Amino acid sequence: KRFLLPLLIFCWPVLYLFRHIFVINGFYMAIANDFINLYYKYKVYLLDCLANFHFPLWSPSEAAGFPFYTNPFAQVFYPFNALLVLWYKVFGGYSSLDHQLFTVLGISIFALGLFMWLKLINKDIKAVVFAVLVMSVSFKVTEIIRFPNAVHSMAWYPWILYALTRVMFSNSAKEAAKSAGLLVLFGVFLCTAGYPYFVYYAVFLF
């Protein structure tokens, strides 16, 4: 019971957006906008370089070029890249469908974080679950799946609120220190996820 409900919460966005990540009769719903040219191509280039133990220092693709690591669309320093590199090595590549799965998993992280945070401040588990199921697949959340870096930046908002709340509710300095460590970790995830707008908004939100 302890793990089943969080697992179901985590899987809910995947089930809701199944047409974006499961191929049915040879078809799936592709994400449009700049998803391919502005996000996927940078990501697959980064993963290919990292998988071959090379860090791309420079990108000549725009104007006179720029340091590749400063490109927010590639999420160069995002810790989850380590998992994507492993995926790239195991499956011999990284398709645009894989990148859509990565994007949807960002919503799953958001949903689980929202559940963990709301459960701290509201003991009515039915109300918490209802709020999470509705909010995690609301129009505003699903509308930004065309921006993978925005999704993964947003995903860490509730986790930071969770860590902040744990700090406030701590009964000892040791508990507060552990929660503060989580706060730093989630802050790193937010700052490296690659959407500067959401980092800026976070200053006012938190």
Protein backbone atom coordinates (compact mmCIF):
# COMPACT_ATOMS: atom_id res chain seq x y z
CA LYS A 1 0.00 0.00 0.00
CA ARG A 2 2.86 2.33 0.78
CA PHE A 3 4.33 2.14 -2.72
CA LEU A 4 1.35 1.16 -4.88
CA LEU A 5 -0.41 4.53 -4.81
CA PRO A 6 2.76 6.57 -5.61
CA LEU A 7 3.51 4.12 -8.43
CA LEU A 8 0.01 4.58 -9.87
CA ILE A 9 0.39 8.37 -9.59
CA PHE A 10 3.72 8.18 -11.44
CA CYS A 11 2.21 6.04 -14.22
CA TRP A 12 -0.92 8.19 -14.64
CA PRO A 13 0.58 10.75 -17.12
CA VAL A 14 2.04 7.87 -19.16
CA LEU A 15 -1.40 6.29 -19.44
CA TYR A 16 -3.10 9.60 -20.19
CA LEU A 17 -0.59 10.49 -22.91
CA PHE A 18 -0.21 6.95 -24.24
CA ARG A 19 -0.69 8.04 -27.85
CA HIS A 20 2.52 10.06 -27.62
CA ILE A 21 4.73 7.19 -26.47
CA PHE A 22 3.20 3.90 -27.66
CA VAL A 23 3.19 2.87 -31.31
CA ILE A 24 -0.25 1.51 -32.23
CA ASN A 25 -0.75 -0.02 -35.68
CA GLY A 26 2.48 1.64 -36.78
CA PHE A 27 1.47 5.13 -35.66
CA TYR A 28 1.91 7.43 -32.70
CA MET A 29 1.09 11.08 -32.04
CA ALA A 30 4.21 13.13 -32.74
CA ILE A 31 4.87 16.35 -30.84
CA ALA A 32 5.05 19.30 -33.20
CA ASN A 33 6.29 22.89 -32.83
CA ASP A 34 10.10 23.02 -32.43
CA PHE A 35 10.31 19.62 -30.76
CA ILE A 36 12.51 18.03 -33.43
CA ASN A 37 14.68 20.88 -34.71
CA LEU A 38 15.17 22.79 -31.47
CA TYR A 39 15.20 20.02 -28.87
CA TYR A 40 15.60 16.50 -30.19
CA LYS A 41 18.49 17.16 -32.59
CA TYR A 42 20.54 18.91 -29.92
CA LYS A 43 19.82 16.13 -27.43
CA VAL A 44 20.72 13.23 -29.70
CA TYR A 45 23.94 15.01 -30.70
CA LEU A 46 24.83 15.48 -27.04
CA LEU A 47 24.07 11.85 -26.18
CA ASP A 48 26.12 10.57 -29.11
CA CYS A 49 29.09 12.66 -27.99
CA LEU A 50 28.80 11.58 -24.35
CA ALA A 51 28.35 7.94 -25.32
CA ASN A 52 31.66 8.17 -27.18
CA PHE A 53 33.37 9.92 -24.24
CA HIS A 54 33.50 13.30 -25.94
CA PHE A 55 32.11 16.53 -24.51
CA PRO A 56 30.96 18.95 -27.24
CA LEU A 57 32.57 22.31 -26.47
CA TRP A 58 31.41 24.39 -29.42
CA SER A 59 28.36 24.62 -31.65
CA PRO A 60 28.81 26.29 -35.06
CA SER A 61 25.10 26.02 -35.84
CA GLU A 62 24.03 29.64 -35.20
CA ALA A 63 25.68 32.96 -36.13
CA ALA A 64 29.41 32.69 -35.39
CA GLY A 65 28.81 29.78 -33.04
CA PHE A 66 28.50 29.53 -29.27
CA PRO A 67 29.66 27.29 -26.39
CA PHE A 68 27.47 24.21 -26.64
CA TYR A 69 27.08 23.83 -22.88
CA THR A 70 25.31 27.21 -22.71
CA ASN A 71 22.50 25.97 -24.96
CA PRO A 72 19.47 25.44 -22.67
CA PHE A 73 17.70 23.30 -25.27
CA ALA A 74 20.26 20.50 -24.87
CA GLN A 75 20.17 20.40 -21.05
CA VAL A 76 23.90 19.64 -21.09
CA PHE A 77 24.37 19.42 -17.30
CA TYR A 78 21.01 17.82 -16.44
CA PRO A 79 21.81 14.76 -14.25
CA PHE A 80 19.21 12.63 -16.05
CA ASN A 81 21.47 12.72 -19.13
CA ALA A 82 23.41 9.88 -17.50
CA LEU A 83 20.33 7.64 -17.81
CA LEU A 84 19.77 8.75 -21.40
CA VAL A 85 23.38 7.96 -22.31
CA LEU A 86 22.88 4.48 -20.86
CA TRP A 87 19.68 4.16 -22.92
CA TYR A 88 21.60 5.32 -26.01
CA LYS A 89 24.30 2.70 -25.47
CA VAL A 90 21.93 -0.19 -24.70
CA PHE A 91 19.49 0.45 -27.57
CA GLY A 92 22.03 1.75 -30.08
CA GLY A 93 20.46 5.17 -30.52
CA TYR A 94 17.90 7.66 -29.32
CA SER A 95 14.82 8.28 -31.45
CA SER A 96 12.39 11.17 -31.40
CA LEU A 97 9.87 8.77 -29.84
CA ASP A 98 12.37 8.09 -27.05
CA HIS A 99 12.60 11.84 -26.49
CA GLN A 100 8.81 12.06 -26.26
CA LEU A 101 8.89 9.35 -23.59
CA PHE A 102 11.57 11.33 -21.73
CA THR A 103 9.34 14.40 -21.90
CA VAL A 104 6.25 12.59 -20.60
CA LEU A 105 8.30 11.12 -17.76
CA GLY A 106 8.93 14.71 -16.70
CA ILE A 107 5.19 15.04 -16.11
CA SER A 108 5.29 11.81 -14.10
CA ILE A 109 8.02 13.29 -11.90
CA PHE A 110 5.84 16.39 -11.45
CA ALA A 111 2.78 14.29 -10.52
CA LEU A 112 4.68 12.22 -7.97
CA GLY A 113 6.26 15.33 -6.44
CA LEU A 114 2.87 17.03 -6.19
CA PHE A 115 1.48 13.96 -4.43
CA MET A 116 4.38 13.82 -1.97
CA TRP A 117 4.09 17.53 -1.15
CA LEU A 118 0.30 17.74 -0.82
CA LYS A 119 0.30 14.63 1.37
CA LEU A 120 2.46 16.55 3.87
CA ILE A 121 0.00 19.40 4.22
CA ASN A 122 -3.35 17.66 3.70
CA LYS A 123 -4.32 14.40 5.41
CA ASP A 124 -7.36 13.85 3.16
CA ILE A 125 -5.74 11.37 0.77
CA LYS A 126 -8.76 11.35 -1.58
CA ALA A 127 -8.54 15.11 -2.04
CA VAL A 128 -4.78 14.87 -2.61
CA VAL A 129 -5.12 12.13 -5.23
CA PHE A 130 -7.93 13.94 -7.01
CA ALA A 131 -5.92 17.18 -7.15
CA VAL A 132 -2.83 15.39 -8.48
CA LEU A 133 -4.72 13.41 -11.14
CA VAL A 134 -6.42 16.57 -12.43
CA MET A 135 -3.53 18.99 -12.24
CA SER A 136 -0.82 16.71 -13.66
CA VAL A 137 -2.67 16.27 -16.95
CA SER A 138 -4.35 19.67 -17.06
CA PHE A 139 -4.28 21.61 -20.31
CA LYS A 140 -1.50 23.94 -19.18
CA VAL A 141 0.78 21.04 -18.23
CA THR A 142 0.14 18.93 -21.33
CA GLU A 143 0.34 22.00 -23.55
CA ILE A 144 4.04 22.48 -22.77
CA ILE A 145 5.17 18.99 -23.79
CA ARG A 146 6.47 20.67 -26.95
CA PHE A 147 9.16 22.13 -24.64
CA PRO A 148 10.95 19.17 -22.98
CA ASN A 149 13.21 21.43 -20.94
CA ALA A 150 10.17 23.36 -19.64
CA VAL A 151 8.47 20.11 -18.59
CA HIS A 152 11.54 18.90 -16.69
CA SER A 153 12.04 22.30 -15.07
CA MET A 154 8.40 22.39 -13.94
CA ALA A 155 8.75 18.81 -12.67
CA TRP A 156 10.96 19.91 -9.77
CA TYR A 157 8.70 22.69 -8.45
CA PRO A 158 6.63 20.41 -6.19
CA TRP A 159 9.73 18.51 -5.07
CA ILE A 160 11.32 21.79 -3.93
CA LEU A 161 8.09 22.71 -2.12
CA TYR A 162 8.17 19.22 -0.56
CA ALA A 163 11.73 19.75 0.72
CA LEU A 164 10.92 23.26 1.99
CA THR A 165 7.88 21.95 3.86
CA ARG A 166 9.93 19.16 5.41
CA VAL A 167 12.45 21.73 6.62
CA MET A 168 9.63 23.74 8.22
CA PHE A 169 8.14 20.64 9.88
CA SER A 170 11.48 19.26 11.11
CA ASN A 171 11.72 18.44 14.82
CA SER A 172 15.51 18.43 14.96
CA ALA A 173 18.53 19.98 13.29
CA LYS A 174 19.40 16.56 11.83
CA GLU A 175 16.00 16.25 10.14
CA ALA A 176 16.25 19.82 8.86
CA ALA A 177 19.73 19.15 7.45
CA LYS A 178 18.51 16.07 5.55
CA SER A 179 15.60 18.01 4.09
CA ALA A 180 17.91 20.90 3.23
CA GLY A 181 20.12 18.43 1.36
CA LEU A 182 17.10 17.34 -0.68
CA LEU A 183 16.30 21.00 -1.30
CA VAL A 184 19.77 21.59 -2.75
CA LEU A 185 19.51 18.45 -4.91
CA PHE A 186 16.12 19.41 -6.34
CA GLY A 187 17.39 22.95 -6.88
CA VAL A 188 20.25 21.58 -8.98
CA PHE A 189 17.75 19.59 -11.06
CA LEU A 190 15.66 22.72 -11.62
CA CYS A 191 18.62 24.89 -12.59
CA THR A 192 20.08 22.33 -15.02
CA ALA A 193 16.79 21.25 -16.64
CA GLY A 194 17.25 23.98 -19.22
CA TYR A 195 14.32 26.40 -19.05
CA PRO A 196 15.59 29.74 -17.65
CA TYR A 197 12.08 31.24 -17.44
CA PHE A 198 11.01 28.71 -14.82
CA VAL A 199 14.17 29.26 -12.81
CA TYR A 200 13.37 32.99 -12.76
CA TYR A 201 9.72 32.36 -11.81
CA ALA A 202 10.85 30.09 -9.00
CA VAL A 203 12.33 33.05 -7.13
CA PHE A 204 8.84 34.50 -6.72
CA LEU A 205 6.99 31.20 -6.31
CA PHE A 206 9.10 29.85 -3.47
